[in-house]
N, C-alpha and C. Protein backbone atom coordinates (compact mmCIF):
# COMPACT_ATOMS: atom_id res chain seq x y z
N MET A 1 -81.71 32.36 -5.69
CA MET A 1 -80.49 31.62 -5.44
C MET A 1 -80.60 30.80 -4.16
N ILE A 2 -81.13 31.40 -3.10
CA ILE A 2 -81.26 30.69 -1.84
C ILE A 2 -82.25 29.54 -1.98
N SER A 3 -83.32 29.74 -2.70
CA SER A 3 -84.30 28.66 -2.88
C SER A 3 -83.68 27.50 -3.65
N THR A 4 -82.75 27.76 -4.56
CA THR A 4 -82.08 26.70 -5.29
C THR A 4 -81.21 25.87 -4.35
N LEU A 5 -80.52 26.51 -3.42
CA LEU A 5 -79.70 25.79 -2.46
C LEU A 5 -80.55 24.95 -1.52
N ILE A 6 -81.70 25.48 -1.11
CA ILE A 6 -82.59 24.72 -0.24
C ILE A 6 -83.15 23.52 -0.99
N LEU A 7 -83.51 23.70 -2.24
CA LEU A 7 -84.02 22.61 -3.05
C LEU A 7 -82.96 21.53 -3.23
N ALA A 8 -81.71 21.92 -3.44
CA ALA A 8 -80.63 20.96 -3.61
C ALA A 8 -80.39 20.18 -2.33
N ALA A 9 -80.54 20.82 -1.19
CA ALA A 9 -80.34 20.14 0.09
C ALA A 9 -81.43 19.11 0.34
N HIS A 10 -82.64 19.38 -0.12
CA HIS A 10 -83.74 18.45 0.10
C HIS A 10 -83.78 17.32 -0.91
N SER A 11 -83.11 17.47 -2.03
CA SER A 11 -83.16 16.43 -3.05
C SER A 11 -81.95 15.48 -3.00
N THR A 12 -81.13 15.62 -1.97
CA THR A 12 -79.98 14.73 -1.83
C THR A 12 -80.46 13.37 -1.35
N PRO A 13 -80.11 12.30 -2.07
CA PRO A 13 -80.59 10.98 -1.66
C PRO A 13 -79.89 10.50 -0.39
N THR A 14 -80.58 9.72 0.38
CA THR A 14 -79.98 9.14 1.57
C THR A 14 -79.17 7.91 1.17
N THR A 15 -78.12 7.66 1.90
CA THR A 15 -77.28 6.49 1.62
C THR A 15 -77.35 5.53 2.79
N VAL A 16 -76.95 4.32 2.54
CA VAL A 16 -76.97 3.28 3.54
C VAL A 16 -75.80 3.48 4.50
N GLU A 17 -76.05 3.34 5.79
CA GLU A 17 -74.97 3.41 6.76
C GLU A 17 -74.16 2.12 6.68
N TRP A 18 -72.90 2.21 7.13
CA TRP A 18 -72.05 1.03 7.08
C TRP A 18 -72.59 -0.02 8.03
N ASN A 19 -72.59 -1.26 7.56
CA ASN A 19 -72.92 -2.42 8.39
C ASN A 19 -72.21 -3.62 7.80
N PRO A 20 -72.23 -4.76 8.45
CA PRO A 20 -71.51 -5.93 7.92
C PRO A 20 -71.98 -6.37 6.53
N SER A 21 -73.23 -6.16 6.20
CA SER A 21 -73.71 -6.51 4.86
C SER A 21 -73.04 -5.65 3.79
N VAL A 22 -72.88 -4.37 4.07
CA VAL A 22 -72.21 -3.47 3.14
C VAL A 22 -70.75 -3.89 2.96
N ALA A 23 -70.10 -4.23 4.06
CA ALA A 23 -68.71 -4.68 4.00
C ALA A 23 -68.58 -5.97 3.18
N LEU A 24 -69.50 -6.91 3.40
CA LEU A 24 -69.46 -8.18 2.67
C LEU A 24 -69.65 -7.97 1.17
N ILE A 25 -70.56 -7.08 0.81
CA ILE A 25 -70.78 -6.79 -0.61
C ILE A 25 -69.53 -6.18 -1.23
N MET A 26 -68.88 -5.25 -0.54
CA MET A 26 -67.67 -4.62 -1.08
C MET A 26 -66.53 -5.64 -1.21
N ILE A 27 -66.39 -6.51 -0.23
CA ILE A 27 -65.34 -7.54 -0.29
C ILE A 27 -65.60 -8.48 -1.46
N LEU A 28 -66.83 -8.92 -1.63
CA LEU A 28 -67.15 -9.84 -2.72
C LEU A 28 -66.96 -9.18 -4.09
N CYS A 29 -67.30 -7.90 -4.19
CA CYS A 29 -67.10 -7.19 -5.46
C CYS A 29 -65.62 -7.06 -5.78
N ASN A 30 -64.79 -6.82 -4.78
CA ASN A 30 -63.35 -6.73 -5.01
C ASN A 30 -62.76 -8.08 -5.38
N LEU A 31 -63.19 -9.15 -4.72
CA LEU A 31 -62.71 -10.49 -5.08
C LEU A 31 -63.14 -10.87 -6.50
N PHE A 32 -64.37 -10.50 -6.86
CA PHE A 32 -64.84 -10.76 -8.23
C PHE A 32 -64.00 -9.99 -9.24
N ALA A 33 -63.72 -8.73 -8.96
CA ALA A 33 -62.93 -7.91 -9.88
C ALA A 33 -61.50 -8.44 -10.00
N ILE A 34 -60.91 -8.90 -8.91
CA ILE A 34 -59.56 -9.48 -8.98
C ILE A 34 -59.57 -10.75 -9.80
N ALA A 35 -60.58 -11.59 -9.61
CA ALA A 35 -60.66 -12.85 -10.38
C ALA A 35 -60.84 -12.57 -11.87
N VAL A 36 -61.69 -11.64 -12.21
CA VAL A 36 -61.90 -11.30 -13.62
C VAL A 36 -60.65 -10.63 -14.19
N GLY A 37 -60.07 -9.71 -13.45
CA GLY A 37 -58.88 -9.00 -13.92
C GLY A 37 -57.67 -9.89 -14.09
N ARG A 38 -57.58 -10.93 -13.30
CA ARG A 38 -56.45 -11.87 -13.41
C ARG A 38 -56.36 -12.46 -14.81
N TYR A 39 -57.52 -12.71 -15.40
CA TYR A 39 -57.53 -13.31 -16.74
C TYR A 39 -57.79 -12.31 -17.86
N ALA A 40 -58.26 -11.10 -17.53
CA ALA A 40 -58.61 -10.12 -18.55
C ALA A 40 -57.49 -9.14 -18.86
N ILE A 41 -56.54 -8.96 -17.96
CA ILE A 41 -55.46 -8.00 -18.19
C ILE A 41 -54.54 -8.55 -19.27
N GLN A 42 -54.30 -7.75 -20.31
CA GLN A 42 -53.59 -8.24 -21.49
C GLN A 42 -52.08 -8.33 -21.31
N HIS A 43 -51.48 -7.45 -20.53
CA HIS A 43 -50.03 -7.46 -20.34
C HIS A 43 -49.70 -7.51 -18.85
N PRO A 44 -49.90 -8.66 -18.21
CA PRO A 44 -49.67 -8.73 -16.76
C PRO A 44 -48.18 -8.76 -16.41
N GLY A 45 -47.87 -8.29 -15.23
CA GLY A 45 -46.53 -8.39 -14.71
C GLY A 45 -45.52 -7.41 -15.27
N GLU A 46 -45.96 -6.33 -15.90
CA GLU A 46 -45.01 -5.38 -16.48
C GLU A 46 -44.56 -4.32 -15.49
N GLY A 47 -45.23 -4.19 -14.37
CA GLY A 47 -44.86 -3.19 -13.37
C GLY A 47 -44.19 -3.83 -12.18
N PRO A 48 -44.08 -3.09 -11.09
CA PRO A 48 -43.45 -3.64 -9.88
C PRO A 48 -44.27 -4.79 -9.30
N ASP A 49 -43.57 -5.72 -8.69
CA ASP A 49 -44.21 -6.89 -8.11
C ASP A 49 -44.71 -6.59 -6.70
N LEU A 50 -45.66 -7.37 -6.24
CA LEU A 50 -46.14 -7.21 -4.87
C LEU A 50 -45.06 -7.63 -3.89
N PRO A 51 -44.94 -6.94 -2.75
CA PRO A 51 -43.88 -7.25 -1.80
C PRO A 51 -44.20 -8.41 -0.87
N VAL A 52 -45.19 -9.20 -1.19
CA VAL A 52 -45.56 -10.34 -0.35
C VAL A 52 -45.47 -11.62 -1.18
N PRO A 53 -45.22 -12.74 -0.53
CA PRO A 53 -45.21 -14.00 -1.29
C PRO A 53 -46.62 -14.33 -1.77
N LYS A 54 -46.70 -14.92 -2.94
CA LYS A 54 -48.01 -15.27 -3.50
C LYS A 54 -47.91 -16.62 -4.20
N PRO A 55 -49.04 -17.29 -4.38
CA PRO A 55 -49.01 -18.60 -5.05
C PRO A 55 -48.58 -18.48 -6.51
N GLU A 56 -48.19 -19.60 -7.07
CA GLU A 56 -47.71 -19.61 -8.45
C GLU A 56 -48.78 -19.18 -9.44
N LEU A 57 -50.04 -19.40 -9.10
CA LEU A 57 -51.15 -18.99 -9.97
C LEU A 57 -51.15 -17.48 -10.19
N TRP A 58 -50.71 -16.72 -9.19
CA TRP A 58 -50.69 -15.26 -9.25
C TRP A 58 -49.30 -14.74 -9.57
N ASP A 59 -48.53 -15.49 -10.33
CA ASP A 59 -47.12 -15.16 -10.60
C ASP A 59 -46.94 -13.79 -11.23
N LYS A 60 -47.74 -13.42 -12.20
CA LYS A 60 -47.58 -12.13 -12.89
C LYS A 60 -48.66 -11.15 -12.46
N PHE A 61 -48.96 -11.12 -11.18
CA PHE A 61 -49.96 -10.20 -10.64
C PHE A 61 -49.26 -9.25 -9.71
N GLY A 62 -49.01 -8.02 -10.17
CA GLY A 62 -48.23 -7.06 -9.41
C GLY A 62 -49.06 -5.89 -8.90
N VAL A 63 -48.37 -4.84 -8.54
CA VAL A 63 -49.01 -3.65 -7.97
C VAL A 63 -49.98 -3.00 -8.97
N PRO A 64 -49.62 -2.81 -10.25
CA PRO A 64 -50.58 -2.19 -11.17
C PRO A 64 -51.86 -3.00 -11.34
N GLU A 65 -51.71 -4.32 -11.39
CA GLU A 65 -52.88 -5.18 -11.53
C GLU A 65 -53.76 -5.11 -10.28
N LEU A 66 -53.13 -5.08 -9.12
CA LEU A 66 -53.89 -5.00 -7.88
C LEU A 66 -54.64 -3.67 -7.78
N LEU A 67 -53.97 -2.57 -8.11
CA LEU A 67 -54.63 -1.27 -8.06
C LEU A 67 -55.77 -1.17 -9.07
N ALA A 68 -55.55 -1.68 -10.27
CA ALA A 68 -56.59 -1.62 -11.30
C ALA A 68 -57.81 -2.45 -10.92
N THR A 69 -57.59 -3.67 -10.45
CA THR A 69 -58.73 -4.54 -10.15
C THR A 69 -59.48 -4.07 -8.91
N THR A 70 -58.77 -3.61 -7.89
CA THR A 70 -59.49 -3.15 -6.70
C THR A 70 -60.18 -1.81 -6.94
N SER A 71 -59.65 -0.99 -7.82
CA SER A 71 -60.36 0.24 -8.19
C SER A 71 -61.67 -0.10 -8.88
N PHE A 72 -61.61 -1.04 -9.81
CA PHE A 72 -62.83 -1.50 -10.48
C PHE A 72 -63.78 -2.15 -9.47
N GLY A 73 -63.24 -2.92 -8.54
CA GLY A 73 -64.07 -3.56 -7.53
C GLY A 73 -64.79 -2.56 -6.65
N HIS A 74 -64.12 -1.46 -6.30
CA HIS A 74 -64.77 -0.44 -5.48
C HIS A 74 -65.85 0.29 -6.27
N ILE A 75 -65.62 0.55 -7.54
CA ILE A 75 -66.65 1.19 -8.37
C ILE A 75 -67.86 0.27 -8.49
N LEU A 76 -67.61 -1.00 -8.75
CA LEU A 76 -68.68 -1.99 -8.86
C LEU A 76 -69.42 -2.12 -7.53
N GLY A 77 -68.69 -2.21 -6.43
CA GLY A 77 -69.30 -2.34 -5.12
C GLY A 77 -70.13 -1.13 -4.74
N THR A 78 -69.63 0.05 -5.04
CA THR A 78 -70.38 1.27 -4.74
C THR A 78 -71.70 1.30 -5.48
N GLY A 79 -71.67 0.93 -6.75
CA GLY A 79 -72.91 0.89 -7.53
C GLY A 79 -73.90 -0.12 -6.99
N ILE A 80 -73.42 -1.29 -6.62
CA ILE A 80 -74.31 -2.32 -6.09
C ILE A 80 -74.88 -1.90 -4.74
N ILE A 81 -74.04 -1.35 -3.87
CA ILE A 81 -74.51 -0.92 -2.55
C ILE A 81 -75.54 0.21 -2.68
N LEU A 82 -75.27 1.19 -3.54
CA LEU A 82 -76.24 2.28 -3.72
C LEU A 82 -77.53 1.77 -4.34
N GLY A 83 -77.40 0.87 -5.30
CA GLY A 83 -78.60 0.31 -5.94
C GLY A 83 -79.44 -0.50 -4.96
N LEU A 84 -78.80 -1.36 -4.18
CA LEU A 84 -79.55 -2.16 -3.21
C LEU A 84 -80.11 -1.29 -2.08
N GLY A 85 -79.38 -0.24 -1.72
CA GLY A 85 -79.88 0.67 -0.70
C GLY A 85 -81.10 1.43 -1.16
N ASN A 86 -81.08 1.90 -2.39
CA ASN A 86 -82.23 2.63 -2.92
C ASN A 86 -83.42 1.72 -3.17
N ALA A 87 -83.15 0.43 -3.42
CA ALA A 87 -84.24 -0.53 -3.61
C ALA A 87 -84.83 -0.98 -2.29
N GLY A 88 -84.15 -0.65 -1.18
CA GLY A 88 -84.66 -1.03 0.13
C GLY A 88 -84.21 -2.40 0.60
N VAL A 89 -83.28 -3.01 -0.10
CA VAL A 89 -82.82 -4.34 0.29
C VAL A 89 -81.81 -4.26 1.43
N LEU A 90 -80.97 -3.23 1.45
CA LEU A 90 -80.00 -3.07 2.54
C LEU A 90 -80.56 -2.20 3.65
């Protein structure tokens, strides 16, 4: 049992530390997800609206749409950051 715990501790992959490149990748992934979600969401504007003024282009973009797209953006960004980190690019 103890040898299994030691083996698990040694097989944990290293991750990239935060730096401006990581932040830029996450921001771009979130912006990409918001842009795609703006046109891909089938029933926009059915939930509560955002409490800030927004342009007419984003008229039916509310809290549920924002949460959904940024959640997808974070999942996408995490995958890209981990992939680039393991490839040695970051």
